[in-house]
Protein backbone atom coordinates (compact mmCIF):
# COMPACT_ATOMS: atom_id res chain seq x y z
CA GLU A 1 132.72 182.10 75.17
CA LEU A 2 132.58 182.54 78.98
CA GLY A 3 135.33 185.12 79.23
CA LEU A 4 137.28 183.26 81.95
CA GLY A 5 140.78 184.26 82.76
CA ASP A 6 143.94 182.44 81.48
CA GLY A 7 144.60 180.98 84.96
CA VAL A 8 141.20 179.37 85.09
CA VAL A 9 141.63 177.91 81.60
CA LYS A 10 145.12 176.65 82.37
CA THR A 11 143.95 174.91 85.56
CA ALA A 12 140.89 173.45 83.72
CA LEU A 13 143.05 172.08 80.91
CA ALA A 14 145.37 170.45 83.46
CA GLY A 15 142.55 169.02 85.41
CA ALA A 16 140.79 167.70 82.25
CA ALA A 17 143.92 165.85 81.23
CA LEU A 18 143.87 163.89 84.55
CA CYS A 19 140.20 163.80 85.54
CA LYS A 20 139.39 160.26 84.26
CA CYS A 21 142.75 158.60 85.01
CA ASP A 22 141.58 157.05 88.25
CA LEU A 23 138.75 155.13 86.51
CA VAL A 24 141.32 152.43 85.50
CA THR A 25 142.65 151.85 89.01
CA LEU A 26 141.70 148.79 91.03
CA MET A 27 140.53 151.04 93.87
CA VAL A 28 137.74 152.73 91.71
CA GLY A 29 137.03 149.44 90.11
CA GLU A 30 136.21 147.95 93.57
CA LEU A 31 134.58 151.13 94.92
CA PRO A 32 133.08 153.13 91.95
CA GLU A 33 131.72 155.83 94.28
CA LEU A 34 135.35 156.87 94.85
CA GLN A 35 135.82 158.06 91.26
CA GLY A 36 137.20 161.59 91.36
CA GLU A 37 138.05 161.31 95.01
CA MET A 38 140.83 158.81 94.41
CA GLY A 39 142.06 160.77 91.40
CA THR A 40 142.44 163.88 93.58
CA ALA A 41 144.34 161.75 96.19
CA TYR A 42 146.62 160.25 93.72
CA ALA A 43 147.27 163.61 92.01
CA LEU A 44 148.25 165.30 95.26
CA ALA A 45 150.46 162.36 96.19
CA GLN A 46 152.28 162.81 92.86
CA GLY A 47 152.86 166.51 93.35
CA VAL A 48 150.02 167.97 91.26
CA SER A 49 148.88 171.41 92.56
CA ALA A 50 145.84 171.48 94.79
CA ASP A 51 143.70 173.59 92.49
CA VAL A 52 144.29 171.11 89.62
CA ALA A 53 143.81 168.08 91.79
CA THR A 54 140.52 169.51 93.07
CA VAL A 55 139.14 169.69 89.50
CA ILE A 56 139.30 165.86 89.33
CA ALA A 57 136.82 165.43 92.15
CA GLU A 58 134.66 168.50 91.55
CA HIS A 59 134.02 168.02 87.90
CA TYR A 60 131.63 165.27 88.67
CA GLN A 61 129.33 167.70 90.51
CA PRO A 62 126.44 167.77 90.56
CA ARG A 63 126.03 164.00 90.83
CA GLY A 64 122.36 164.25 91.58
CA ALA A 65 119.51 166.71 92.15
CA ASP A 66 120.55 167.48 95.70
CA ASP A 67 124.23 167.73 95.02
CA PRO A 68 125.78 171.19 94.64
CA THR A 69 127.44 172.20 91.38
CA ALA A 70 131.22 172.49 91.16
CA PRO A 71 132.46 175.40 93.43
CA SER A 72 135.57 176.38 91.39
CA ASP A 73 135.37 177.97 87.90
CA ALA A 74 137.97 175.41 86.56
CA ALA A 75 136.08 172.46 87.78
CA ALA A 76 132.81 173.87 86.55
CA LEU A 77 134.36 174.40 83.13
CA VAL A 78 135.57 170.78 82.96
CA ALA A 79 132.15 169.65 84.31
CA LEU A 80 130.56 171.40 81.30
CA ALA A 81 133.07 170.00 78.76
CA ALA A 82 132.74 166.42 80.01
CA ARG A 83 128.92 166.53 79.89
CA PHE A 84 128.79 168.22 76.49
CA ASP A 85 131.18 165.54 75.13
CA THR A 86 128.91 162.79 76.47
CA LEU A 87 125.67 164.36 75.31
CA VAL A 88 126.84 165.17 71.83
CA GLY A 89 128.53 161.80 71.27
CA CYS A 90 125.45 159.87 72.44
CA PHE A 91 122.90 161.92 70.51
CA ALA A 92 125.07 161.81 67.35
CA VAL A 93 124.96 157.95 67.34
CA GLY A 94 121.28 157.70 68.20
CA GLN A 95 121.57 157.06 71.89
CA VAL A 96 118.67 159.30 72.86
CA PRO A 97 116.57 158.78 76.02
CA THR A 98 113.14 157.41 75.22
CA GLY A 99 110.27 157.42 77.72
CA ALA A 100 111.55 156.57 81.16
CA ALA A 101 114.54 154.74 79.76
CA ASP A 102 117.81 156.58 80.21
CA PRO A 103 120.58 154.09 80.84
CA LEU A 104 123.39 156.54 80.12
CA ALA A 105 121.89 159.24 82.47
CA LEU A 106 121.73 161.78 79.76
CA ARG A 107 118.92 163.71 81.42
CA ARG A 108 121.11 164.05 84.58
CA ALA A 109 124.01 165.25 82.38
CA ALA A 110 121.86 167.95 80.73
CA LEU A 111 120.59 169.02 84.07
CA GLY A 112 124.17 169.22 85.34
CA VAL A 113 125.00 171.55 82.44
CA LEU A 114 122.02 173.84 83.09
CA ARG A 115 122.43 173.89 86.82
CA THR A 116 126.16 174.79 86.55
CA VAL A 117 125.47 177.58 84.02
CA LEU A 118 122.73 179.01 86.06
CA ASP A 119 124.61 178.78 89.40
CA LYS A 120 127.68 180.45 87.87
CA GLY A 121 125.63 183.06 86.07
CA TRP A 122 127.49 182.22 82.92
CA GLU A 123 126.23 183.55 79.56
CA LEU A 124 126.75 180.40 77.59
CA SER A 125 125.39 179.56 74.23
CA LEU A 126 124.25 175.96 74.22
CA SER A 127 124.37 175.76 70.37
CA ALA A 128 127.98 177.06 70.36
CA ALA A 129 129.01 174.47 72.99
CA VAL A 130 127.27 171.60 71.07
CA ALA A 131 129.05 172.67 67.86
CA SER A 132 132.43 172.77 69.71
CA ALA A 133 131.86 169.35 71.29
CA TYR A 134 130.79 167.89 67.88
CA ALA A 135 133.93 169.27 66.17
CA ALA A 136 136.05 167.37 68.75
CA TYR A 137 134.74 164.15 67.21
CA SER A 138 136.57 164.86 63.94
CA GLY A 139 137.66 161.58 62.35
CA VAL A 140 134.98 159.54 64.18
CA LYS A 141 132.11 158.18 62.14
CA LEU A 142 128.79 159.51 63.55
CA ASP A 143 125.33 158.72 62.49
CA ALA A 144 123.90 162.31 62.63
CA ASP A 145 125.46 165.52 61.28
CA VAL A 146 126.07 168.54 63.48
CA GLY A 147 122.80 170.18 62.44
CA GLU A 148 120.57 167.16 63.34
CA THR A 149 122.48 166.52 66.49
CA SER A 150 122.22 170.14 67.61
CA ASP A 151 118.47 170.34 66.87
CA LYS A 152 117.73 167.26 68.92
CA LEU A 153 120.03 168.15 71.72
CA LEU A 154 118.78 171.73 72.04
CA ALA A 155 115.19 170.52 72.26
CA PHE A 156 116.35 168.13 74.99
CA PHE A 157 117.99 170.97 76.88
CA LYS A 158 114.90 173.16 76.38
CA GLN A 159 112.69 170.55 78.12
CA ARG A 160 115.07 170.24 81.08
CA LEU A 161 115.35 174.03 81.33
CA ARG A 162 111.68 174.32 81.47
CA GLY A 163 111.49 171.88 84.28
CA LEU A 164 114.21 173.66 86.27
CA LEU A 165 112.70 177.10 85.95
CA GLU A 166 109.10 176.21 86.60
CA GLN A 167 110.24 175.28 90.19
CA GLU A 168 110.57 179.01 90.88
CA VAL A 169 108.66 180.78 88.13
CA ALA A 170 105.12 180.42 86.76
CA VAL A 171 105.08 178.04 83.91
CA GLY A 172 103.37 180.43 81.51
CA ALA A 173 106.21 182.95 81.94
CA VAL A 174 108.81 180.24 81.38
CA ASP A 175 107.10 179.00 78.19
CA ALA A 176 106.73 182.56 76.84
CA CYS A 177 110.42 183.22 77.35
CA LEU A 178 111.64 179.81 76.06
CA ALA A 179 109.59 180.48 72.88
CA ALA A 180 111.47 183.71 72.33
CA GLN A 181 114.93 182.17 72.61
CA ALA A 182 116.18 179.15 74.52
CA ASP A 183 119.85 178.97 73.52
CA ARG A 184 121.23 180.93 76.52
CA PRO A 185 119.78 179.48 79.76
CA GLN A 186 121.05 182.29 81.98
CA ASP A 187 119.31 184.86 79.70
CA VAL A 188 116.08 182.76 79.66
CA ALA A 189 116.07 182.65 83.48
CA LEU A 190 116.53 186.49 83.78
CA ARG A 191 113.66 187.17 81.37
CA ALA A 192 111.34 184.58 82.95
CA ARG A 193 111.96 185.94 86.45
CA ALA A 194 111.32 189.44 85.31
CA LEU A 195 108.07 188.40 83.48
CA ALA A 196 106.84 186.56 86.52
CA GLN A 197 107.05 189.76 88.55
CA ILE A 198 104.45 191.46 86.39
CA ASP A 199 100.90 191.39 87.82
CA PRO A 200 99.12 188.26 86.50
CA GLY A 201 96.21 190.30 85.24
CA VAL A 202 98.52 192.59 83.33
CA ARG A 203 100.22 189.55 81.92
CA ALA A 204 96.98 188.09 80.77
CA LEU A 205 95.77 191.24 79.14
CA ALA A 206 99.07 191.68 77.33
CA GLY A 207 98.84 188.07 76.24
CA GLU A 208 95.49 188.55 74.66
CA VAL A 209 96.42 191.76 72.85
CA PHE A 210 99.73 190.36 71.51
CA LYS A 211 98.06 187.12 70.52
CA ARG A 212 95.96 189.20 68.08
CA ALA A 213 99.00 191.16 66.87
CA ALA A 214 100.82 187.83 66.32
CA ASN A 215 97.96 186.34 64.29
CA ILE A 216 97.85 189.42 62.09
CA ALA A 217 101.56 189.60 61.71
CA LYS A 218 101.65 186.16 60.03
CA ASP A 219 100.34 187.74 56.82
CA ALA A 220 102.34 190.99 57.12
CA PRO A 221 104.83 191.98 54.41
CA GLU A 222 108.37 192.72 55.36
CA GLY A 223 109.61 196.28 55.73
CA GLU A 224 109.52 199.25 57.93
CA PRO A 225 106.09 201.00 58.44
CA VAL A 226 105.99 204.71 57.84
CA ALA A 227 104.06 207.40 59.69
CA PRO A 228 100.27 206.88 59.05
CA GLY A 229 99.91 210.37 57.60
CA GLU A 230 102.23 209.43 54.74
CA VAL A 231 99.87 206.85 53.33
CA ALA A 232 96.45 208.38 54.21
CA ALA A 233 95.03 211.82 54.53
CA ASP A 234 92.56 210.99 57.34
CA VAL A 235 94.24 209.26 60.18
CA HIS A 236 92.55 208.20 63.45
CA VAL A 237 94.13 209.68 66.58
CA THR A 238 94.56 206.18 67.92
CA GLU A 239 96.60 205.12 65.04
CA ARG A 240 98.90 208.14 65.37
CA ALA A 241 99.22 207.32 69.10
CA LEU A 242 100.24 203.71 68.31
CA PHE A 243 102.84 204.68 65.79
CA ALA A 244 104.40 207.19 68.23
CA ALA A 245 104.18 204.78 71.19
CA PHE A 246 105.80 201.96 69.22
CA ALA A 247 108.80 204.21 68.28
CA GLU A 248 109.35 204.85 72.05
CA LEU A 249 108.80 201.12 72.84
CA ARG A 250 111.33 199.95 70.33
CA GLN A 251 113.94 202.25 71.68
CA ALA A 252 113.22 201.30 75.27
CA VAL A 253 113.26 197.53 74.57
CA GLY A 254 116.40 197.81 72.45
CA ALA A 255 118.26 199.61 75.25
CA ALA A 256 116.95 197.27 78.02
CA HIS A 257 117.90 194.24 75.93
CA GLN A 258 121.40 195.41 75.51
CA SER A 259 121.84 195.97 79.19
CA ARG A 260 119.67 192.92 80.06
CA ASP A 261 117.45 195.15 82.10
CA TYR A 262 114.48 192.92 81.41
CA PRO A 263 112.18 194.44 84.13
CA SER A 264 112.41 197.78 82.34
CA ALA A 265 111.80 196.15 78.94
CA LEU A 266 108.74 194.22 80.19
CA GLY A 267 107.44 197.33 81.98
CA ALA A 268 107.54 199.20 78.67
CA ILE A 269 105.79 196.38 76.89
CA ALA A 270 103.06 196.14 79.60
CA GLY A 271 102.53 199.80 79.25
CA PHE A 272 102.32 199.53 75.51
CA ALA A 273 99.68 196.79 75.53
CA PRO A 274 96.67 199.02 76.38
CA VAL A 275 97.64 201.39 73.52
CA LEU A 276 97.66 198.50 71.16
CA GLY A 277 94.35 197.20 72.56
CA ARG A 278 92.70 200.60 71.90
CA TYR A 279 94.11 200.58 68.40
CA PHE A 280 92.33 197.27 67.65
CA ASP A 281 89.06 198.70 69.01
CA ASP A 282 89.31 201.82 66.89
CA VAL A 283 91.06 200.85 63.72
CA LEU A 284 90.55 198.17 61.03
CA VAL A 285 93.99 196.72 60.13
CA MET A 286 92.72 195.11 56.90
CA ALA A 287 91.74 198.48 55.27
CA ASP A 288 90.45 198.53 51.63
CA ASP A 289 93.23 200.85 50.56
CA PRO A 290 96.29 198.50 49.84
CA ARG A 291 98.88 201.06 50.87
CA VAL A 292 97.18 201.66 54.18
CA ARG A 293 96.66 198.00 54.73
CA ASP A 294 100.22 197.07 54.09
CA ASN A 295 101.52 199.82 56.30
CA ARG A 296 99.40 198.69 59.14
CA LEU A 297 100.46 195.08 58.58
CA LYS A 298 104.14 196.09 58.59
CA LEU A 299 103.58 197.83 61.90
CA MET A 300 101.99 194.71 63.34
CA ARG A 301 105.00 192.61 62.23
CA GLN A 302 107.48 195.08 63.73
CA ILE A 303 105.52 195.19 67.01
CA HIS A 304 105.44 191.39 67.21
CA ARG A 305 109.12 191.06 66.32
CA THR A 306 110.19 193.66 68.83
CA CYS A 307 108.26 192.34 71.80
CA SER A 308 108.90 188.65 70.89
CA ALA A 309 112.64 189.15 71.37
CA ILE A 310 111.82 189.23 75.13
CA ALA A 311 108.92 186.87 75.33
CA HIS A 312 106.15 185.40 73.13
CA PHE A 313 103.29 187.21 74.97
CA ASN A 314 100.74 185.35 72.76
CA VAL A 315 101.76 182.23 74.70
CA LEU A 316 100.36 183.82 77.87
CA ALA A 317 96.95 183.93 76.27
CA GLY A 318 96.87 180.14 75.72
């Protein structure tokens, strides 16, 4: 999933096989804060390579909000695996934090996952990781199936990701991007940071316009709209302009989404918003002619779908 090299994976597997061994020693039993540290010392004393031994200590990072994430890729990989194993296992048997109660420190585990992914810039799918961790419980009786476990855990991650990102990005921008897609934290962060760079006034204007488009799109039929001239003889100049502008927008957003050039995509959307606003001033979407009405509704649906892949701009309008 992460595209890491064979050497990193080999080191991570070796470190994962040893990373909890020191928990049964008298030393760690007496001094729990030495978990991982003692494991590293024991491993080095027994001839384990330094890169593998280091994984044993580093995979516990971050231990808290002020602790850095694991420096090495191998340790970070084991850190993710260990936390996903804990989170999935607990959620699958109903051990979900409620209110302030979180005896198993699952909120801290989820934040550890998110901080690690963001610090490394890794393009990780949370749902894929959850499914993989759940599959590792094969043969173990769990209370919830993979679908229920995933739904609850992804909502849990979404809340934690919101809290992390709103420390650096306006909460409205974070919410708009989370509403579009919250499965890949790194992608959410990139989109939210780009959206936050747009002038607040422009964001608000776009939000109002796209909120109207989103409301209309709810009743729209599926399908591609055709050029307005194909369904009506008399077409307002604003309607022709919108159809042409949307063709350009779709191409720009598609290209920017592929390259993750979100500033370009959002710039194109911001430039499109006034065109859409003029359209609403000049044209009645719910026309009497059913062919014209359906074509306009289809256009609204496609506009909403295209722009919502980046962010749900209607969220910005409240």
